[in-house]
Amino acid sequence: MVLKRFSVLLVVRVILILANMVLLSAIFGDERLIFNHIILLVILTFQIAELLRFVNKTNRSIARFLFAIKHDDISINLSEGKSGGSFAELQNAFEEIMSTYKDAKIEKEANFHYLKHIIEHIKVGIISIENEEDIVLFNLPAEKILNIMGIKNWQVLREKQAHFVNELEKLGNEGKGLIEINTNQEVKTLSVDISSMKLLDKQYKVITFQDIKSEIELKEIEAWHKLIRILTHEIMNSITPITSLTETMQTMLAQDGVQKRLCTLDDEIIGDLLFSLKTIEKRSNGLIDFVGDYRKLTRVPQPVFEEVEVTELLHGIESLMRPTLEKEQIDMQIEIDSSMGQLSLDPKLIEQVLLNLITNSKHALKGIDHPVISLRSYQKNANTFISVSDNGSGISEKEIQEIFTPFFSTKKEGSGIGLSLSKQIMHLHHGRISVSSVPNEQTMFVLQFSKSST
């Protein structure tokens, strides 16, 4: 509407100028109308000046409007005194646009300050780097964790925290890891996550990290308490009957603190003494075995990595376990992804883990109709998985919470170190072991070998 009205008024002015020029040309050269010549020339001059003023006024308004947008000037006033007609409509249109732009600008600023407030108050350090050089974001928690203030350049940060920066660069543009740093003679363990993105032809790297040393120490304390409770329980179970039997034997051999004479000992007493000694020997041997299991748990060998064909590894396990399982009428099924290649691992340690899992499944299948153990390997999201599952009695939700705890066992004759050892072995392979169970349907243990470990 504004543009249409502007065009009409512009055309009217041009027509009036052309009419004036036609009239001037019609009387041009007639000396009798010399004053008419002068009057028409003056009118033509005013018409041309008015046309220029009309066009330039619109151009100035548009230029001021675009200049204000270019320089983010939301305080500009686009009205130029009293203007009527199309100029008033044009200025109103500009002012509506500027008002909308102001609201958007204010909302953007409000959102920016809100997000900045959040970033400054979360307990996670955040560093954002532009084009591997300029630090565009270095929040307050990051300054406190690293004990550095006002850093704006990556090289300056390298000078202040060389070890931290070197470890970050080892992780590359995408990665996670733990980094230990020393600030003011205080050792901190940082959990670091790095991600990258490209925005408006600029490369950005976002680094988030937090000090988890206190959480690790808390978990370590909880683990020690749990281990001490189990050790105490097992040792007391062995020591208590030994102490009780020792007191009984002393009663048999002495009365009121005086040793009995040999002639007073009959066959029944001697038989009781032999029974007590055998029981003490049995409990002592049990305690020695328990200590031996504990030593195994604390002396897991470091893996010797080599490239191993997953197919060969699993078929080797199948050949080893199938005769034993067939004797107990347990069906063993194996499924290997056709695209499965090689893994970098210690075959002896991983075989130990798989054999332990299959043995556990075998025990869980006692009394089950049509028992089946499934061994499967597959790939997902560049990670390799090996699973061992069975259709046995299953594991309760409460037991799953404790199943990887050292010396915890669901079997009466179990030592309770197999799964704990398996977890340690997978940790040494930079992988993990997990379990899921639906009682009387399926229990599955999954070994995950991450991309970084292959």
Protein backbone atom coordinates (compact mmCIF):
# COMPACT_ATOMS: atom_id res chain seq x y z
CA MET A 1 0.00 0.00 0.00
CA VAL A 2 2.83 2.35 0.92
CA LEU A 3 4.77 1.50 -2.26
CA LYS A 4 1.65 1.95 -4.45
CA ARG A 5 0.89 5.38 -3.03
CA PHE A 6 4.52 6.46 -3.37
CA SER A 7 4.48 5.41 -7.05
CA VAL A 8 1.25 7.32 -7.78
CA LEU A 9 2.59 10.54 -6.23
CA LEU A 10 5.89 10.13 -8.07
CA VAL A 11 4.07 9.66 -11.42
CA VAL A 12 1.87 12.74 -10.74
CA ARG A 13 4.98 14.88 -10.15
CA VAL A 14 6.66 13.60 -13.29
CA ILE A 15 3.49 14.28 -15.34
CA LEU A 16 3.30 17.85 -14.01
CA ILE A 17 6.95 18.41 -14.91
CA LEU A 18 6.34 17.04 -18.43
CA ALA A 19 3.18 19.24 -18.82
CA ASN A 20 5.16 22.29 -17.77
CA MET A 21 7.92 21.45 -20.25
CA VAL A 22 5.37 20.91 -23.08
CA LEU A 23 3.74 24.26 -22.30
CA LEU A 24 7.16 25.96 -22.13
CA SER A 25 8.17 24.50 -25.49
CA ALA A 26 4.88 25.66 -27.03
CA ILE A 27 5.52 29.34 -26.21
CA PHE A 28 9.29 29.16 -26.55
CA GLY A 29 10.62 31.93 -28.83
CA ASP A 30 7.57 34.23 -28.52
CA GLU A 31 9.02 37.52 -27.20
CA ARG A 32 5.58 38.70 -26.23
CA LEU A 33 5.33 35.98 -23.62
CA ILE A 34 8.76 36.54 -22.04
CA PHE A 35 7.27 36.79 -18.54
CA ASN A 36 5.41 33.54 -19.12
CA HIS A 37 8.77 31.94 -19.98
CA ILE A 38 10.23 33.14 -16.70
CA ILE A 39 7.22 32.01 -14.65
CA LEU A 40 7.20 28.53 -16.25
CA LEU A 41 10.99 28.12 -15.70
CA VAL A 42 10.61 29.08 -12.02
CA ILE A 43 7.72 26.61 -11.64
CA LEU A 44 9.79 23.92 -13.43
CA THR A 45 12.70 24.56 -11.07
CA PHE A 46 10.41 24.18 -8.05
CA GLN A 47 8.87 21.04 -9.55
CA ILE A 48 12.28 19.42 -10.07
CA ALA A 49 13.40 20.45 -6.57
CA GLU A 50 10.17 19.02 -5.09
CA LEU A 51 10.69 15.75 -7.01
CA LEU A 52 14.24 15.45 -5.69
CA ARG A 53 13.09 16.28 -2.15
CA PHE A 54 10.28 13.73 -2.43
CA VAL A 55 12.59 10.94 -3.63
CA ASN A 56 15.49 11.84 -1.32
CA LYS A 57 13.24 11.95 1.73
CA THR A 58 12.18 8.37 1.08
CA ASN A 59 15.76 7.32 0.39
CA ARG A 60 16.96 8.96 3.62
CA SER A 61 14.29 7.14 5.62
CA ILE A 62 15.22 3.79 4.05
CA ALA A 63 18.94 4.49 4.51
CA ARG A 64 18.49 5.42 8.18
CA PHE A 65 16.36 2.32 8.69
CA LEU A 66 18.96 -0.01 7.12
CA PHE A 67 21.81 1.77 8.91
CA ALA A 68 20.04 1.26 12.25
CA ILE A 69 19.61 -2.47 11.55
CA LYS A 70 23.23 -2.78 10.39
CA HIS A 71 24.56 -1.27 13.62
CA ASP A 72 21.96 -2.84 15.96
CA ASP A 73 20.67 0.63 16.88
CA ILE A 74 17.24 0.00 18.36
CA SER A 75 16.96 3.51 19.84
CA ILE A 76 16.69 5.37 16.50
CA ASN A 77 13.63 7.55 15.82
CA LEU A 78 12.64 7.34 12.15
CA SER A 79 10.00 10.11 12.15
CA GLU A 80 11.09 13.42 10.57
CA GLY A 81 8.63 15.94 11.84
CA LYS A 82 5.15 16.00 10.48
CA SER A 83 4.81 14.05 7.30
CA GLY A 84 1.64 13.18 5.61
CA GLY A 85 0.50 10.87 2.91
CA SER A 86 2.80 8.09 1.85
CA PHE A 87 5.67 9.33 4.06
CA ALA A 88 3.56 8.91 7.17
CA GLU A 89 2.61 5.39 6.08
CA LEU A 90 6.24 4.58 5.21
CA GLN A 91 7.48 5.84 8.57
CA ASN A 92 4.74 3.88 10.38
CA ALA A 93 5.77 0.73 8.52
CA PHE A 94 9.44 1.34 9.44
CA GLU A 95 8.54 2.00 13.06
CA GLU A 96 6.50 -1.24 13.24
CA ILE A 97 9.45 -3.18 11.83
CA MET A 98 11.85 -1.48 14.28
CA SER A 99 9.48 -2.20 17.16
CA THR A 100 9.39 -5.89 16.22
CA TYR A 101 13.18 -5.84 15.81
CA LYS A 102 13.57 -4.20 19.24
CA ASP A 103 11.38 -6.86 20.86
CA ALA A 104 13.38 -9.62 19.16
CA LYS A 105 16.66 -7.95 20.16
CA ILE A 106 15.55 -7.54 23.77
CA GLU A 107 14.32 -11.14 23.93
CA LYS A 108 17.63 -12.32 22.45
CA GLU A 109 19.59 -10.33 25.02
CA ALA A 110 17.38 -11.64 27.83
CA ASN A 111 17.90 -15.24 26.67
CA PHE A 112 21.64 -14.63 26.37
CA HIS A 113 21.90 -13.27 29.93
CA TYR A 114 19.70 -16.09 31.23
CA LEU A 115 21.88 -18.75 29.61
CA LYS A 116 25.02 -16.96 30.78
CA HIS A 117 23.62 -16.93 34.32
CA ILE A 118 22.97 -20.69 34.09
CA ILE A 119 26.45 -21.38 32.66
CA GLU A 120 28.08 -19.41 35.47
CA HIS A 121 26.14 -21.21 38.20
CA ILE A 122 26.34 -24.85 37.13
CA LYS A 123 29.13 -26.87 38.72
CA VAL A 124 30.62 -27.90 35.38
CA GLY A 125 33.56 -26.04 33.85
CA ILE A 126 32.94 -24.98 30.24
CA ILE A 127 35.54 -23.73 27.74
CA SER A 128 34.63 -22.86 24.16
CA ILE A 129 37.39 -22.29 21.58
CA GLU A 130 36.97 -20.62 18.21
CA ASN A 131 39.24 -21.79 15.36
CA GLU A 132 41.64 -23.55 17.76
CA GLU A 133 42.89 -20.22 19.12
CA ASP A 134 40.45 -17.75 20.67
CA ILE A 135 38.62 -18.66 23.87
CA VAL A 136 35.10 -17.26 23.52
CA LEU A 137 33.72 -18.81 26.71
CA PHE A 138 35.47 -19.57 29.99
CA ASN A 139 32.88 -19.80 32.75
CA LEU A 140 33.39 -19.21 36.47
CA PRO A 141 33.45 -22.91 37.51
CA ALA A 142 36.21 -23.51 34.91
CA GLU A 143 38.23 -20.63 36.40
CA LYS A 144 37.79 -22.03 39.91
CA ILE A 145 38.68 -25.62 38.95
CA LEU A 146 41.80 -24.58 37.00
CA ASN A 147 42.59 -21.68 39.34
CA ILE A 148 43.01 -19.34 36.35
CA MET A 149 41.22 -16.04 35.73
CA GLY A 150 40.47 -14.06 32.58
CA ILE A 151 41.96 -16.37 29.94
CA LYS A 152 41.05 -15.41 26.35
CA ASN A 153 43.67 -17.28 24.33
CA TRP A 154 44.42 -21.00 24.00
CA GLN A 155 48.20 -20.47 24.03
CA VAL A 156 47.96 -18.52 27.28
CA LEU A 157 46.00 -21.39 28.81
CA ARG A 158 48.76 -23.75 27.61
CA GLU A 159 51.32 -21.65 29.49
CA LYS A 160 49.24 -21.72 32.67
CA GLN A 161 48.10 -25.39 32.52
CA ALA A 162 50.43 -27.21 30.10
CA HIS A 163 49.57 -30.72 31.29
CA PHE A 164 45.81 -30.08 31.09
CA VAL A 165 46.03 -28.69 27.54
CA ASN A 166 48.32 -31.49 26.34
CA GLU A 167 45.91 -34.14 27.66
CA LEU A 168 42.98 -32.35 25.99
CA GLU A 169 44.80 -32.32 22.64
CA LYS A 170 45.41 -36.07 22.96
CA LEU A 171 41.61 -36.56 23.13
CA GLY A 172 41.23 -34.69 19.80
CA ASN A 173 38.06 -32.93 18.65
CA GLU A 174 35.71 -35.59 20.03
CA GLY A 175 36.35 -37.67 23.11
CA LYS A 176 36.00 -38.37 26.81
CA GLY A 177 38.56 -39.11 29.49
CA LEU A 178 39.94 -38.52 32.97
CA ILE A 179 42.71 -35.98 33.53
CA GLU A 180 44.60 -35.36 36.75
CA ILE A 181 45.87 -31.83 37.36
CA ASN A 182 47.69 -30.10 40.19
CA THR A 183 46.52 -26.64 41.30
CA ASN A 184 47.95 -25.00 44.40
CA GLN A 185 49.40 -28.35 45.52
CA GLU A 186 45.92 -29.90 45.27
CA VAL A 187 45.44 -32.89 42.97
CA LYS A 188 42.14 -32.91 41.07
CA THR A 189 40.67 -35.65 38.92
CA LEU A 190 38.69 -34.14 36.05
CA SER A 191 36.10 -35.93 33.97
CA VAL A 192 36.42 -34.30 30.52
CA ASP A 193 34.09 -34.34 27.50
CA ILE A 194 35.04 -32.68 24.18
CA SER A 195 32.75 -31.97 21.23
CA SER A 196 33.17 -29.89 18.06
CA MET A 197 30.89 -28.13 15.61
CA LYS A 198 31.02 -25.71 12.67
CA LEU A 199 28.91 -22.57 12.88
CA LEU A 200 28.88 -19.69 10.37
CA ASP A 201 32.10 -20.96 8.73
CA LYS A 202 33.87 -21.00 12.10
CA GLN A 203 35.08 -24.12 13.89
CA TYR A 204 34.18 -24.34 17.56
CA LYS A 205 35.36 -26.80 20.20
CA VAL A 206 33.41 -27.12 23.46
CA ILE A 207 35.20 -28.63 26.46
CA THR A 208 33.23 -29.52 29.59
CA PHE A 209 34.83 -30.89 32.75
CA GLN A 210 34.27 -31.29 36.48
CA ASP A 211 36.27 -32.40 39.48
CA ILE A 212 35.10 -35.89 40.44
CA LYS A 213 37.84 -36.73 42.92
CA SER A 214 35.49 -36.41 45.90
CA GLU A 215 32.92 -38.67 44.17
CA ILE A 216 35.64 -41.22 43.38
CA GLU A 217 36.88 -41.13 46.97
CA LEU A 218 33.32 -41.60 48.22
CA LYS A 219 32.84 -44.60 45.93
CA GLU A 220 36.19 -46.01 47.05
CA ILE A 221 35.16 -45.67 50.70
CA GLU A 222 31.83 -47.36 50.00
CA ALA A 223 33.65 -50.17 48.16
CA TRP A 224 36.08 -50.62 51.05
CA HIS A 225 33.23 -50.72 53.58
CA LYS A 226 31.41 -53.30 51.50
CA LEU A 227 34.58 -55.39 51.07
CA ILE A 228 35.41 -55.16 54.79
CA ARG A 229 31.87 -56.32 55.69
CA ILE A 230 32.23 -59.34 53.39
CA LEU A 231 35.75 -60.15 54.62
CA THR A 232 34.59 -59.86 58.24
CA HIS A 233 31.60 -62.08 57.54
CA GLU A 234 33.67 -64.79 55.86
CA ILE A 235 36.47 -64.71 58.44
CA MET A 236 34.02 -64.80 61.36
CA ASN A 237 32.20 -67.74 59.77
CA SER A 238 35.49 -69.66 59.87
CA ILE A 239 36.95 -68.38 63.15
CA THR A 240 33.82 -68.77 65.31
CA PRO A 241 33.50 -72.58 65.00
CA ILE A 242 37.28 -72.97 65.40
CA THR A 243 37.17 -70.97 68.64
CA SER A 244 34.14 -72.90 69.88
CA LEU A 245 35.72 -76.29 69.09
CA THR A 246 38.98 -75.25 70.74
CA GLU A 247 37.14 -74.39 73.95
CA THR A 248 35.31 -77.75 73.79
CA MET A 249 38.59 -79.61 73.35
CA GLN A 250 40.11 -77.76 76.30
CA THR A 251 37.13 -78.86 78.43
CA MET A 252 37.73 -82.45 77.37
CA LEU A 253 41.42 -82.31 78.30
CA ALA A 254 41.25 -80.27 81.51
CA GLN A 255 39.02 -79.82 84.55
CA ASP A 256 39.09 -76.71 86.76
CA GLY A 257 42.25 -75.62 84.97
CA VAL A 258 44.07 -78.90 85.75
CA GLN A 259 45.13 -81.24 82.96
CA LYS A 260 43.38 -84.60 83.02
CA ARG A 261 45.43 -87.75 83.29
CA LEU A 262 45.81 -89.89 80.19
CA CYS A 263 44.09 -92.84 81.88
CA THR A 264 40.91 -90.78 82.28
CA LEU A 265 40.50 -90.36 78.52
CA ASP A 266 38.25 -93.00 76.99
CA ASP A 267 37.61 -93.86 73.33
CA GLU A 268 34.57 -91.55 73.15
CA ILE A 269 36.59 -88.50 74.26
CA ILE A 270 39.40 -89.38 71.84
CA GLY A 271 36.82 -89.77 69.04
CA ASP A 272 35.33 -86.35 69.86
CA LEU A 273 38.81 -84.82 69.86
CA LEU A 274 39.57 -86.30 66.42
CA PHE A 275 36.24 -85.04 65.05
CA SER A 276 36.94 -81.57 66.43
CA LEU A 277 40.46 -81.52 64.96
CA LYS A 278 39.14 -82.58 61.54
CA THR A 279 36.51 -79.83 61.68
CA ILE A 280 39.15 -77.26 62.64
CA GLU A 281 41.34 -78.48 59.75
CA LYS A 282 38.40 -78.20 57.32
CA ARG A 283 37.53 -74.67 58.44
CA SER A 284 41.20 -73.65 58.36
CA ASN A 285 41.57 -74.96 54.81
CA GLY A 286 38.41 -73.03 53.88
CA LEU A 287 39.93 -69.87 55.29
CA ILE A 288 43.17 -70.51 53.36
CA ASP A 289 41.15 -70.97 50.14
CA PHE A 290 39.29 -67.74 50.88
CA VAL A 291 42.57 -65.83 51.31
CA GLY A 292 43.81 -67.44 48.08
CA ASP A 293 40.73 -66.17 46.24
CA TYR A 294 41.34 -62.71 47.66
CA ARG A 295 44.92 -62.79 46.36
CA LYS A 296 43.64 -63.74 42.91
CA LEU A 297 41.27 -60.81 43.01
CA THR A 298 44.03 -58.34 43.86
CA ARG A 299 46.57 -59.74 41.38
CA VAL A 300 44.82 -59.61 38.00
CA PRO A 301 47.59 -59.71 35.36
CA GLN A 302 47.93 -56.84 32.88
CA PRO A 303 46.51 -57.90 29.49
CA VAL A 304 48.88 -58.71 26.64
CA PHE A 305 47.01 -57.31 23.64
CA GLU A 306 47.02 -58.97 20.25
CA GLU A 307 44.78 -58.93 17.18
CA VAL A 308 42.29 -61.79 17.54
CA GLU A 309 39.60 -63.01 15.13
CA VAL A 310 36.34 -62.91 17.09
CA THR A 311 34.97 -65.84 15.10
CA GLU A 312 37.94 -68.04 16.03
CA LEU A 313 37.74 -66.97 19.68
CA LEU A 314 34.07 -67.90 20.03
CA HIS A 315 34.36 -71.17 18.09
CA GLY A 316 37.26 -72.10 20.38
CA ILE A 317 35.07 -71.49 23.44
CA GLU A 318 32.28 -73.53 21.84
CA SER A 319 34.61 -76.49 21.15
CA LEU A 320 35.91 -76.35 24.72
CA MET A 321 32.51 -76.20 26.48
CA ARG A 322 30.24 -78.25 24.19
CA PRO A 323 31.28 -81.75 25.51
CA THR A 324 30.64 -80.70 29.13
CA LEU A 325 27.28 -79.12 28.25
CA GLU A 326 26.17 -82.11 26.19
CA LYS A 327 26.76 -84.39 29.19
CA GLU A 328 24.27 -82.27 31.12
CA GLN A 329 21.92 -82.13 28.10
CA ILE A 330 22.31 -78.38 27.68
CA ASP A 331 21.91 -77.05 24.13
CA MET A 332 24.57 -74.50 23.14
CA GLN A 333 23.74 -72.06 20.35
CA ILE A 334 26.26 -69.71 18.72
CA GLU A 335 25.56 -66.72 16.48
CA ILE A 336 28.33 -64.58 14.97
CA ASP A 337 27.81 -61.44 12.87
CA SER A 338 29.13 -62.07 9.34
CA SER A 339 30.92 -58.67 9.35
CA MET A 340 32.78 -59.49 12.56
CA GLY A 341 36.51 -58.85 12.22
CA GLN A 342 39.38 -58.59 14.66
CA LEU A 343 39.62 -57.24 18.19
CA SER A 344 42.68 -56.11 20.10
CA LEU A 345 42.52 -58.10 23.34
CA ASP A 346 44.22 -60.63 25.58
CA PRO A 347 42.70 -63.96 24.41
CA LYS A 348 43.58 -65.82 27.63
CA LEU A 349 41.86 -63.27 29.89
CA ILE A 350 38.78 -62.91 27.67
CA GLU A 351 38.51 -66.70 27.41
CA GLN A 352 38.58 -66.81 31.21
CA VAL A 353 35.69 -64.31 31.33
CA LEU A 354 33.59 -66.22 28.77
CA LEU A 355 34.24 -69.59 30.41
CA ASN A 356 33.22 -68.16 33.79
CA LEU A 357 29.98 -66.75 32.33
CA ILE A 358 29.10 -70.03 30.59
CA THR A 359 29.85 -71.98 33.78
CA ASN A 360 27.54 -69.65 35.74
CA SER A 361 24.82 -70.21 33.12
CA LYS A 362 25.28 -73.96 33.42
CA HIS A 363 24.64 -73.79 37.19
CA ALA A 364 21.59 -71.56 36.63
CA LEU A 365 20.05 -74.17 34.28
CA LYS A 366 19.80 -76.98 36.84
CA GLY A 367 16.25 -78.32 36.91
CA ILE A 368 15.22 -76.33 33.80
CA ASP A 369 13.36 -78.04 30.95
CA HIS A 370 15.05 -77.61 27.54
CA PRO A 371 18.06 -75.65 28.88
CA VAL A 372 19.82 -73.41 26.33
CA ILE A 373 22.98 -71.29 26.48
CA SER A 374 23.43 -68.76 23.66
CA LEU A 375 26.75 -67.22 22.67
CA ARG A 376 26.40 -64.25 20.32
CA SER A 377 28.60 -61.51 18.85
CA TYR A 378 27.50 -58.38 17.00
CA GLN A 379 28.48 -54.78 16.24
CA LYS A 380 26.61 -51.58 17.03
CA ASN A 381 27.70 -47.93 16.83
CA ALA A 382 31.29 -48.97 16.02
CA ASN A 383 31.41 -51.05 19.24
CA THR A 384 31.73 -54.83 19.43
CA PHE A 385 29.51 -56.87 21.76
CA ILE A 386 29.73 -60.49 22.92
CA SER A 387 26.78 -61.83 24.91
CA VAL A 388 26.22 -64.99 26.94
CA SER A 389 22.58 -65.73 27.76
CA ASP A 390 20.57 -68.61 29.22
CA ASN A 391 16.94 -69.47 29.94
CA GLY A 392 17.62 -70.43 33.55
CA SER A 393 16.14 -69.39 36.87
CA GLY A 394 17.43 -65.83 36.55
CA ILE A 395 18.75 -63.27 39.01
CA SER A 396 16.59 -61.16 41.30
CA GLU A 397 16.73 -57.37 41.11
CA LYS A 398 18.33 -57.20 44.57
CA GLU A 399 21.06 -59.70 43.62
CA ILE A 400 21.84 -57.85 40.38
CA GLN A 401 22.82 -54.80 42.47
CA GLU A 402 25.45 -56.89 44.29
CA ILE A 403 26.45 -59.41 41.67
CA PHE A 404 29.81 -57.79 40.77
CA THR A 405 30.76 -57.24 44.43
CA PRO A 406 33.80 -59.33 45.44
CA PHE A 407 32.90 -62.53 47.36
CA PHE A 408 29.17 -62.10 46.76
CA SER A 409 27.71 -65.32 45.36
CA THR A 410 24.22 -66.69 44.73
CA LYS A 411 25.61 -70.25 44.94
CA LYS A 412 26.32 -71.92 48.29
CA GLU A 413 29.61 -73.37 47.02
CA GLY A 414 30.58 -70.27 45.03
CA SER A 415 33.64 -68.13 45.88
CA GLY A 416 32.05 -64.92 44.63
CA ILE A 417 35.13 -63.68 42.75
CA GLY A 418 34.39 -64.83 39.18
CA LEU A 419 32.22 -61.90 38.11
CA SER A 420 34.35 -59.40 40.01
CA LEU A 421 37.44 -60.71 38.18
CA SER A 422 35.53 -60.51 34.89
CA LYS A 423 34.65 -56.89 35.57
CA GLN A 424 38.29 -56.06 36.30
CA ILE A 425 39.45 -57.82 33.13
CA MET A 426 36.93 -55.88 31.00
CA HIS A 427 38.03 -52.63 32.66
CA LEU A 428 41.64 -53.43 31.72
CA HIS A 429 40.38 -53.85 28.13
CA HIS A 430 38.74 -50.38 28.29
CA GLY A 431 35.37 -52.11 28.00
CA ARG A 432 32.53 -52.98 30.31
CA ILE A 433 30.35 -55.90 31.39
CA SER A 434 26.62 -55.57 32.07
CA VAL A 435 23.81 -57.90 33.07
CA SER A 436 20.05 -58.05 32.60
CA SER A 437 17.69 -60.72 33.83
CA VAL A 438 14.04 -61.69 33.66
CA PRO A 439 13.56 -64.54 36.20
CA ASN A 440 12.64 -67.87 34.59
CA GLU A 441 12.92 -66.34 31.10
CA GLN A 442 16.38 -65.03 30.23
CA THR A 443 19.57 -63.84 31.88
CA MET A 444 22.13 -62.10 29.68
CA PHE A 445 25.67 -60.92 30.33
CA VAL A 446 27.10 -58.55 27.70
CA LEU A 447 30.76 -57.73 27.11
CA GLN A 448 31.23 -54.39 25.36
CA PHE A 449 34.50 -53.57 23.63
CA SER A 450 34.51 -49.86 22.86
CA LYS A 451 35.86 -48.36 19.66
CA SER A 452 38.94 -47.01 21.48
CA SER A 453 39.88 -50.51 22.64
CA THR A 454 39.76 -52.16 19.24
